[in-house]
PDB file of all heavy atoms in Angstrom:
ATOM      1  N   ALA A   1     -18.231   9.158  -4.902  1.00  0.00           N
ATOM      2  CA  ALA A   1     -17.423   8.493  -3.867  1.00  0.00           C
ATOM      3  C   ALA A   1     -16.779   9.507  -2.931  1.00  0.00           C
ATOM      4  O   ALA A   1     -16.665   9.270  -1.723  1.00  0.00           O
ATOM      5  CB  ALA A   1     -16.357   7.616  -4.528  1.00  0.00           C
ATOM      6  N   LEU A   2     -16.358  10.637  -3.489  1.00  0.00           N
ATOM      7  CA  LEU A   2     -15.747  11.672  -2.662  1.00  0.00           C
ATOM      8  C   LEU A   2     -16.759  12.242  -1.669  1.00  0.00           C
ATOM      9  O   LEU A   2     -16.429  12.466  -0.497  1.00  0.00           O
ATOM     10  CB  LEU A   2     -15.188  12.781  -3.550  1.00  0.00           C
ATOM     11  CG  LEU A   2     -14.120  13.689  -2.933  1.00  0.00           C
ATOM     12  CD1 LEU A   2     -12.856  12.899  -2.662  1.00  0.00           C
ATOM     13  CD2 LEU A   2     -13.818  14.859  -3.862  1.00  0.00           C
ATOM     14  N   LEU A   3     -17.978  12.467  -2.138  1.00  0.00           N
ATOM     15  CA  LEU A   3     -19.025  12.958  -1.245  1.00  0.00           C
ATOM     16  C   LEU A   3     -19.300  11.952  -0.122  1.00  0.00           C
ATOM     17  O   LEU A   3     -19.379  12.319   1.052  1.00  0.00           O
ATOM     18  CB  LEU A   3     -20.302  13.227  -2.034  1.00  0.00           C
ATOM     19  CG  LEU A   3     -21.569  13.513  -1.215  1.00  0.00           C
ATOM     20  CD1 LEU A   3     -21.388  14.755  -0.338  1.00  0.00           C
ATOM     21  CD2 LEU A   3     -22.773  13.669  -2.131  1.00  0.00           C
ATOM     22  N   LEU A   4     -19.437  10.699  -0.491  1.00  0.00           N
ATOM     23  CA  LEU A   4     -19.732   9.664   0.505  1.00  0.00           C
ATOM     24  C   LEU A   4     -18.596   9.529   1.518  1.00  0.00           C
ATOM     25  O   LEU A   4     -18.835   9.253   2.699  1.00  0.00           O
ATOM     26  CB  LEU A   4     -19.989   8.326  -0.181  1.00  0.00           C
ATOM     27  CG  LEU A   4     -21.270   8.246  -1.024  1.00  0.00           C
ATOM     28  CD1 LEU A   4     -21.325   6.926  -1.778  1.00  0.00           C
ATOM     29  CD2 LEU A   4     -22.501   8.406  -0.148  1.00  0.00           C
ATOM     30  N   SER A   5     -17.357   9.738   1.052  1.00  0.00           N
ATOM     31  CA  SER A   5     -16.217   9.574   1.951  1.00  0.00           C
ATOM     32  C   SER A   5     -16.152  10.654   3.026  1.00  0.00           C
ATOM     33  O   SER A   5     -15.442  10.501   4.015  1.00  0.00           O
ATOM     34  CB  SER A   5     -14.910   9.566   1.157  1.00  0.00           C
ATOM     35  OG  SER A   5     -14.610  10.853   0.641  1.00  0.00           O
ATOM     36  N   THR A   6     -16.897  11.741   2.826  1.00  0.00           N
ATOM     37  CA  THR A   6     -16.935  12.782   3.859  1.00  0.00           C
ATOM     38  C   THR A   6     -17.900  12.436   4.981  1.00  0.00           C
ATOM     39  O   THR A   6     -17.922  13.113   6.017  1.00  0.00           O
ATOM     40  CB  THR A   6     -17.360  14.134   3.258  1.00  0.00           C
ATOM     41  OG1 THR A   6     -18.710  14.048   2.767  1.00  0.00           O
ATOM     42  CG2 THR A   6     -16.436  14.542   2.125  1.00  0.00           C
ATOM     43  N   ALA A   7     -18.724  11.409   4.769  1.00  0.00           N
ATOM     44  CA  ALA A   7     -19.752  11.075   5.751  1.00  0.00           C
ATOM     45  C   ALA A   7     -19.608   9.678   6.338  1.00  0.00           C
ATOM     46  O   ALA A   7     -20.002   9.440   7.482  1.00  0.00           O
ATOM     47  CB  ALA A   7     -21.141  11.216   5.124  1.00  0.00           C
ATOM     48  N   ILE A   8     -19.041   8.736   5.559  1.00  0.00           N
ATOM     49  CA  ILE A   8     -18.931   7.356   6.031  1.00  0.00           C
ATOM     50  C   ILE A   8     -17.501   6.873   5.839  1.00  0.00           C
ATOM     51  O   ILE A   8     -16.657   7.588   5.287  1.00  0.00           O
ATOM     52  CB  ILE A   8     -19.928   6.429   5.308  1.00  0.00           C
ATOM     53  CG1 ILE A   8     -19.723   6.500   3.783  1.00  0.00           C
ATOM     54  CG2 ILE A   8     -21.352   6.802   5.659  1.00  0.00           C
ATOM     55  CD1 ILE A   8     -20.667   5.611   3.001  1.00  0.00           C
ATOM     56  N   SER A   9     -17.225   5.657   6.256  1.00  0.00           N
ATOM     57  CA  SER A   9     -15.866   5.114   6.202  1.00  0.00           C
ATOM     58  C   SER A   9     -15.417   4.903   4.763  1.00  0.00           C
ATOM     59  O   SER A   9     -16.255   4.783   3.853  1.00  0.00           O
ATOM     60  CB  SER A   9     -15.806   3.790   6.967  1.00  0.00           C
ATOM     61  OG  SER A   9     -16.547   2.796   6.284  1.00  0.00           O
ATOM     62  N   PRO A  10     -14.093   4.817   4.534  1.00  0.00           N
ATOM     63  CA  PRO A  10     -13.595   4.623   3.166  1.00  0.00           C
ATOM     64  C   PRO A  10     -14.137   3.366   2.502  1.00  0.00           C
ATOM     65  O   PRO A  10     -14.541   3.394   1.339  1.00  0.00           O
ATOM     66  CB  PRO A  10     -12.074   4.544   3.365  1.00  0.00           C
ATOM     67  CG  PRO A  10     -11.810   5.268   4.632  1.00  0.00           C
ATOM     68  CD  PRO A  10     -12.993   5.027   5.495  1.00  0.00           C
ATOM     69  N   MET A  11     -14.144   2.239   3.221  1.00  0.00           N
ATOM     70  CA  MET A  11     -14.642   0.990   2.653  1.00  0.00           C
ATOM     71  C   MET A  11     -16.121   1.102   2.312  1.00  0.00           C
ATOM     72  O   MET A  11     -16.561   0.692   1.234  1.00  0.00           O
ATOM     73  CB  MET A  11     -14.418  -0.155   3.631  1.00  0.00           C
ATOM     74  CG  MET A  11     -14.888  -1.519   3.109  1.00  0.00           C
ATOM     75  SD  MET A  11     -14.005  -2.062   1.626  1.00  0.00           S
ATOM     76  CE  MET A  11     -12.380  -2.409   2.344  1.00  0.00           C
ATOM     77  N   ALA A  12     -16.893   1.668   3.231  1.00  0.00           N
ATOM     78  CA  ALA A  12     -18.334   1.798   3.001  1.00  0.00           C
ATOM     79  C   ALA A  12     -18.629   2.704   1.809  1.00  0.00           C
ATOM     80  O   ALA A  12     -19.539   2.424   1.015  1.00  0.00           O
ATOM     81  CB  ALA A  12     -19.014   2.339   4.252  1.00  0.00           C
ATOM     82  N   SER A  13     -17.877   3.794   1.663  1.00  0.00           N
ATOM     83  CA  SER A  13     -18.121   4.706   0.540  1.00  0.00           C
ATOM     84  C   SER A  13     -17.852   4.015  -0.791  1.00  0.00           C
ATOM     85  O   SER A  13     -18.593   4.217  -1.761  1.00  0.00           O
ATOM     86  CB  SER A  13     -17.249   5.956   0.671  1.00  0.00           C
ATOM     87  OG  SER A  13     -15.873   5.640   0.558  1.00  0.00           O
ATOM     88  N   GLY A  14     -16.810   3.162  -0.845  1.00  0.00           N
ATOM     89  CA  GLY A  14     -16.521   2.426  -2.060  1.00  0.00           C
ATOM     90  C   GLY A  14     -17.605   1.417  -2.389  1.00  0.00           C
ATOM     91  O   GLY A  14     -18.042   1.293  -3.539  1.00  0.00           O
ATOM     92  N   VAL A  15     -18.066   0.696  -1.380  1.00  0.00           N
ATOM     93  CA  VAL A  15     -19.112  -0.313  -1.582  1.00  0.00           C
ATOM     94  C   VAL A  15     -20.406   0.336  -2.058  1.00  0.00           C
ATOM     95  O   VAL A  15     -21.052  -0.136  -2.991  1.00  0.00           O
ATOM     96  CB  VAL A  15     -19.354  -1.106  -0.280  1.00  0.00           C
ATOM     97  CG1 VAL A  15     -20.582  -1.995  -0.416  1.00  0.00           C
ATOM     98  CG2 VAL A  15     -18.134  -1.952   0.063  1.00  0.00           C
ATOM     99  N   VAL A  16     -20.796   1.440  -1.409  1.00  0.00           N
ATOM    100  CA  VAL A  16     -22.035   2.122  -1.780  1.00  0.00           C
ATOM    101  C   VAL A  16     -21.940   2.679  -3.200  1.00  0.00           C
ATOM    102  O   VAL A  16     -22.895   2.579  -3.988  1.00  0.00           O
ATOM    103  CB  VAL A  16     -22.350   3.251  -0.783  1.00  0.00           C
ATOM    104  CG1 VAL A  16     -23.541   4.084  -1.272  1.00  0.00           C
ATOM    105  CG2 VAL A  16     -22.655   2.671   0.588  1.00  0.00           C
ATOM    106  N   THR A  17     -20.794   3.239  -3.550  1.00  0.00           N
ATOM    107  CA  THR A  17     -20.623   3.802  -4.898  1.00  0.00           C
ATOM    108  C   THR A  17     -20.765   2.733  -5.969  1.00  0.00           C
ATOM    109  O   THR A  17     -21.499   2.911  -6.950  1.00  0.00           O
ATOM    110  CB  THR A  17     -19.245   4.478  -5.019  1.00  0.00           C
ATOM    111  OG1 THR A  17     -19.142   5.530  -4.067  1.00  0.00           O
ATOM    112  CG2 THR A  17     -19.048   5.050  -6.415  1.00  0.00           C
ATOM    113  N   VAL A  18     -20.071   1.605  -5.791  1.00  0.00           N
ATOM    114  CA  VAL A  18     -20.159   0.523  -6.776  1.00  0.00           C
ATOM    115  C   VAL A  18     -21.565  -0.064  -6.799  1.00  0.00           C
ATOM    116  O   VAL A  18     -22.105  -0.402  -7.863  1.00  0.00           O
ATOM    117  CB  VAL A  18     -19.119  -0.572  -6.469  1.00  0.00           C
ATOM    118  CG1 VAL A  18     -19.275  -1.752  -7.420  1.00  0.00           C
ATOM    119  CG2 VAL A  18     -17.708  -0.006  -6.576  1.00  0.00           C
ATOM    120  N   GLY A  19     -22.192  -0.180  -5.616  1.00  0.00           N
ATOM    121  CA  GLY A  19     -23.553  -0.683  -5.555  1.00  0.00           C
ATOM    122  C   GLY A  19     -24.532   0.192  -6.312  1.00  0.00           C
ATOM    123  O   GLY A  19     -25.396  -0.305  -7.047  1.00  0.00           O
ATOM    124  N   LEU A  20     -24.403   1.507  -6.163  1.00  0.00           N
ATOM    125  CA  LEU A  20     -25.276   2.430  -6.886  1.00  0.00           C
ATOM    126  C   LEU A  20     -25.004   2.391  -8.386  1.00  0.00           C
ATOM    127  O   LEU A  20     -25.938   2.512  -9.195  1.00  0.00           O
ATOM    128  CB  LEU A  20     -25.086   3.857  -6.355  1.00  0.00           C
ATOM    129  CG  LEU A  20     -25.618   4.112  -4.944  1.00  0.00           C
ATOM    130  CD1 LEU A  20     -25.249   5.523  -4.485  1.00  0.00           C
ATOM    131  CD2 LEU A  20     -27.132   3.927  -4.898  1.00  0.00           C
ATOM    132  N   PHE A  21     -23.744   2.216  -8.768  1.00  0.00           N
ATOM    133  CA  PHE A  21     -23.395   2.081 -10.187  1.00  0.00           C
ATOM    134  C   PHE A  21     -24.113   0.881 -10.791  1.00  0.00           C
ATOM    135  O   PHE A  21     -24.727   0.968 -11.863  1.00  0.00           O
ATOM    136  CB  PHE A  21     -21.878   1.932 -10.324  1.00  0.00           C
ATOM    137  CG  PHE A  21     -21.424   1.524 -11.698  1.00  0.00           C
ATOM    138  CD1 PHE A  21     -21.319   2.455 -12.716  1.00  0.00           C
ATOM    139  CD2 PHE A  21     -21.093   0.201 -11.974  1.00  0.00           C
ATOM    140  CE1 PHE A  21     -20.897   2.084 -13.981  1.00  0.00           C
ATOM    141  CE2 PHE A  21     -20.670  -0.183 -13.233  1.00  0.00           C
ATOM    142  CZ  PHE A  21     -20.574   0.758 -14.245  1.00  0.00           C
ATOM    143  N   GLY A  22     -24.045  -0.264 -10.100  1.00  0.00           N
ATOM    144  CA  GLY A  22     -24.711  -1.464 -10.598  1.00  0.00           C
ATOM    145  C   GLY A  22     -26.221  -1.335 -10.596  1.00  0.00           C
ATOM    146  O   GLY A  22     -26.899  -1.749 -11.542  1.00  0.00           O
ATOM    147  N   ALA A  23     -26.769  -0.739  -9.536  1.00  0.00           N
ATOM    148  CA  ALA A  23     -28.224  -0.581  -9.440  1.00  0.00           C
ATOM    149  C   ALA A  23     -28.756   0.321 -10.547  1.00  0.00           C
ATOM    150  O   ALA A  23     -29.827   0.066 -11.118  1.00  0.00           O
ATOM    151  CB  ALA A  23     -28.592  -0.009  -8.074  1.00  0.00           C
ATOM    152  N   THR A  24     -27.994   1.376 -10.877  1.00  0.00           N
ATOM    153  CA  THR A  24     -28.427   2.281 -11.940  1.00  0.00           C
ATOM    154  C   THR A  24     -28.413   1.586 -13.293  1.00  0.00           C
ATOM    155  O   THR A  24     -29.305   1.792 -14.127  1.00  0.00           O
ATOM    156  CB  THR A  24     -27.521   3.526 -11.984  1.00  0.00           C
ATOM    157  OG1 THR A  24     -27.515   4.146 -10.699  1.00  0.00           O
ATOM    158  CG2 THR A  24     -28.012   4.525 -13.014  1.00  0.00           C
ATOM    159  N   TRP A  25     -27.398   0.744 -13.523  1.00  0.00           N
ATOM    160  CA  TRP A  25     -27.341   0.001 -14.787  1.00  0.00           C
ATOM    161  C   TRP A  25     -28.521  -0.959 -14.902  1.00  0.00           C
ATOM    162  O   TRP A  25     -29.166  -1.061 -15.956  1.00  0.00           O
ATOM    163  CB  TRP A  25     -26.030  -0.770 -14.888  1.00  0.00           C
ATOM    164  CG  TRP A  25     -25.920  -1.531 -16.186  1.00  0.00           C
ATOM    165  CD1 TRP A  25     -25.638  -1.017 -17.415  1.00  0.00           C
ATOM    166  CD2 TRP A  25     -26.118  -2.941 -16.367  1.00  0.00           C
ATOM    167  NE1 TRP A  25     -25.634  -2.018 -18.361  1.00  0.00           N
ATOM    168  CE2 TRP A  25     -25.925  -3.205 -17.747  1.00  0.00           C
ATOM    169  CE3 TRP A  25     -26.414  -3.995 -15.499  1.00  0.00           C
ATOM    170  CZ2 TRP A  25     -26.039  -4.493 -18.276  1.00  0.00           C
ATOM    171  CZ3 TRP A  25     -26.528  -5.275 -16.036  1.00  0.00           C
ATOM    172  CH2 TRP A  25     -26.339  -5.520 -17.403  1.00  0.00           C
ATOM    173  N   ILE A  26     -28.829  -1.664 -13.816  1.00  0.00           N
ATOM    174  CA  ILE A  26     -29.968  -2.589 -13.824  1.00  0.00           C
ATOM    175  C   ILE A  26     -31.268  -1.828 -14.055  1.00  0.00           C
ATOM    176  O   ILE A  26     -32.150  -2.270 -14.814  1.00  0.00           O
ATOM    177  CB  ILE A  26     -30.027  -3.374 -12.501  1.00  0.00           C
ATOM    178  CG1 ILE A  26     -28.825  -4.317 -12.399  1.00  0.00           C
ATOM    179  CG2 ILE A  26     -31.328  -4.163 -12.391  1.00  0.00           C
ATOM    180  CD1 ILE A  26     -28.696  -5.008 -11.068  1.00  0.00           C
TER     181      ILE A  26
END
């Protein structure tokens, strides 16, 4: 999330992080 926050907005970095967490579990 910290890496993503350096490139995209705070909300987007949170959404992408949680999305990747769920996708990896699936």
